[in-house]
Amino acid sequence: MHDHDKETLLLICGAETDVTALMTRLYDAGVRVVGPTQTASMALALAAQTGPSLALIAGQPTGERKAAELAGALLSTWGVRSMLLDPAQHAEHGHEDWRAPDHQVARIRQALARAPLPA
C-alpha cells in the first residue's frame, strides 16, 4: 500500500504539459487522478463534484485565472489546497494560504520521481 493511497489529485495542465506522461507516472504510483483539465472554470467544477484532497497545477491554466489565482479560488471555494508542479514556481509562493502542506507536496513529488517513464 502506498502512503498516498488516500490522495485524490485534481490535475490541471497547461497546454504545453505532457499530460500522458504525467498521468502515467501518477497512475503507476497509485495516485487517484481527477482530470486533466486545462481551464480554471472546469477545475473549479471538478473540485465541486469530486472533493479532491489536492490540486496539482502543471503549467498555466487557460482562461482568465492564472495558476496562483486558481489555487486561491480552489481553497476559498472548496477548501482544496494546491501545489505547482514546477518546484521553483511552487517555492515562489512560499507564504500563500493555498499551498499544500510540505509533507503532502513531498509525497506527490516522490511518487512522480519514482514512477517509471512511459515507454
Protein backbone atom coordinates (compact mmCIF):
# COMPACT_ATOMS: atom_id res chain seq x y z
CA MET A 1 0.00 0.00 0.00
CA HIS A 2 1.30 3.42 -0.95
CA ASP A 3 1.48 6.20 1.63
CA HIS A 4 -0.58 8.39 -0.70
CA ASP A 5 -3.40 5.91 -1.35
CA LYS A 6 -5.89 8.35 0.15
CA GLU A 7 -4.84 11.17 -2.18
CA THR A 8 -7.23 12.21 -4.91
CA LEU A 9 -5.44 14.64 -7.14
CA LEU A 10 -7.18 17.21 -9.31
CA LEU A 11 -4.87 17.64 -12.29
CA ILE A 12 -4.82 21.00 -14.06
CA CYS A 13 -2.46 21.13 -17.02
CA GLY A 14 -1.24 23.90 -19.23
CA ALA A 15 -1.23 23.45 -22.98
CA GLU A 16 2.46 22.52 -23.13
CA THR A 17 2.30 19.87 -20.40
CA ASP A 18 2.94 16.24 -21.36
CA VAL A 19 -0.32 15.04 -19.83
CA THR A 20 0.14 11.42 -20.88
CA ALA A 21 3.50 11.06 -19.14
CA LEU A 22 2.28 12.86 -16.03
CA MET A 23 -0.90 10.77 -15.73
CA THR A 24 1.04 7.55 -16.34
CA ARG A 25 3.51 8.39 -13.57
CA LEU A 26 0.73 9.21 -11.12
CA TYR A 27 -1.26 6.10 -12.04
CA ASP A 28 1.82 3.87 -11.73
CA ALA A 29 2.47 5.36 -8.29
CA GLY A 30 -1.08 4.54 -7.17
CA VAL A 31 -2.36 8.11 -7.01
CA ARG A 32 -6.01 8.64 -7.99
CA VAL A 33 -6.39 11.42 -10.55
CA VAL A 34 -9.38 13.54 -11.50
CA GLY A 35 -8.96 15.32 -14.80
CA PRO A 36 -6.93 16.55 -16.50
CA THR A 37 -8.40 19.88 -17.36
CA GLN A 38 -6.83 22.95 -18.90
CA THR A 39 -9.33 25.55 -17.75
CA ALA A 40 -9.73 27.13 -14.35
CA SER A 41 -13.52 27.08 -14.58
CA MET A 42 -13.56 23.33 -15.27
CA ALA A 43 -11.09 22.75 -12.41
CA LEU A 44 -13.46 24.52 -10.03
CA ALA A 45 -16.40 22.48 -11.33
CA LEU A 46 -14.48 19.20 -10.97
CA ALA A 47 -13.46 20.14 -7.43
CA ALA A 48 -17.13 20.67 -6.57
CA GLN A 49 -18.07 17.23 -7.86
CA THR A 50 -15.14 15.12 -6.71
CA GLY A 51 -13.77 16.59 -3.47
CA PRO A 52 -10.06 16.16 -4.27
CA SER A 53 -7.52 16.17 -1.45
CA LEU A 54 -5.05 18.21 -3.53
CA ALA A 55 -4.85 20.13 -6.80
CA LEU A 56 -1.71 19.71 -8.91
CA ILE A 57 -1.25 22.64 -11.25
CA ALA A 58 1.14 21.74 -14.07
CA GLY A 59 1.61 24.88 -16.12
CA GLN A 60 -0.69 27.85 -16.56
CA PRO A 61 -4.38 27.02 -16.98
CA THR A 62 -6.21 28.58 -19.87
CA GLY A 63 -8.75 31.31 -19.24
CA GLU A 64 -8.65 34.38 -17.07
CA ARG A 65 -7.24 32.86 -13.87
CA LYS A 66 -3.58 32.01 -13.74
CA ALA A 67 -2.11 29.26 -11.54
CA ALA A 68 -1.86 31.19 -8.27
CA GLU A 69 -5.30 32.77 -8.73
CA LEU A 70 -6.84 29.37 -9.44
CA ALA A 71 -5.12 27.91 -6.38
CA GLY A 72 -6.59 30.69 -4.25
CA ALA A 73 -10.06 30.11 -5.70
CA LEU A 74 -9.85 26.35 -5.10
CA LEU A 75 -9.02 26.98 -1.45
CA SER A 76 -11.57 29.71 -0.80
CA THR A 77 -14.39 27.97 -2.70
CA TRP A 78 -13.85 24.27 -1.98
CA GLY A 79 -11.12 24.06 0.68
CA VAL A 80 -8.71 22.35 -1.73
CA ARG A 81 -5.05 23.21 -1.31
CA SER A 82 -2.73 23.21 -4.32
CA MET A 83 0.80 22.56 -5.41
CA LEU A 84 2.57 23.75 -8.54
CA LEU A 85 4.38 21.04 -10.46
CA ASP A 86 7.44 23.22 -11.01
CA PRO A 87 9.33 23.25 -7.67
CA ALA A 88 10.81 26.72 -8.28
CA GLN A 89 7.42 28.25 -9.09
CA HIS A 90 5.90 26.50 -6.09
CA ALA A 91 8.62 27.91 -3.84
CA GLU A 92 7.93 31.45 -5.11
CA HIS A 93 4.56 31.25 -3.35
CA GLY A 94 6.03 30.16 -0.02
CA HIS A 95 3.63 32.07 2.23
CA GLU A 96 0.36 31.65 0.35
CA ASP A 97 -2.53 30.08 2.23
CA TRP A 98 -3.44 27.89 -0.74
CA ARG A 99 -0.17 25.95 -0.67
CA ALA A 100 -0.47 22.29 0.24
CA PRO A 101 1.46 21.20 3.33
CA ASP A 102 5.09 20.34 2.61
CA HIS A 103 4.62 16.68 3.56
CA GLN A 104 1.78 16.31 1.04
CA VAL A 105 3.80 18.00 -1.71
CA ALA A 106 6.79 15.78 -0.91
CA ARG A 107 4.67 12.61 -1.23
CA ILE A 108 3.45 13.63 -4.69
CA ARG A 109 6.93 14.69 -5.82
CA GLN A 110 8.29 11.35 -4.57
CA ALA A 111 5.54 9.48 -6.42
CA LEU A 112 6.37 11.35 -9.62
CA ALA A 113 10.10 10.77 -9.20
CA ARG A 114 9.99 7.02 -8.60
CA ALA A 115 7.35 6.07 -11.14
CA PRO A 116 8.87 4.84 -14.41
CA LEU A 117 8.58 6.99 -17.51
CA PRO A 118 6.25 5.58 -20.17
CA ALA A 119 7.95 3.66 -22.98
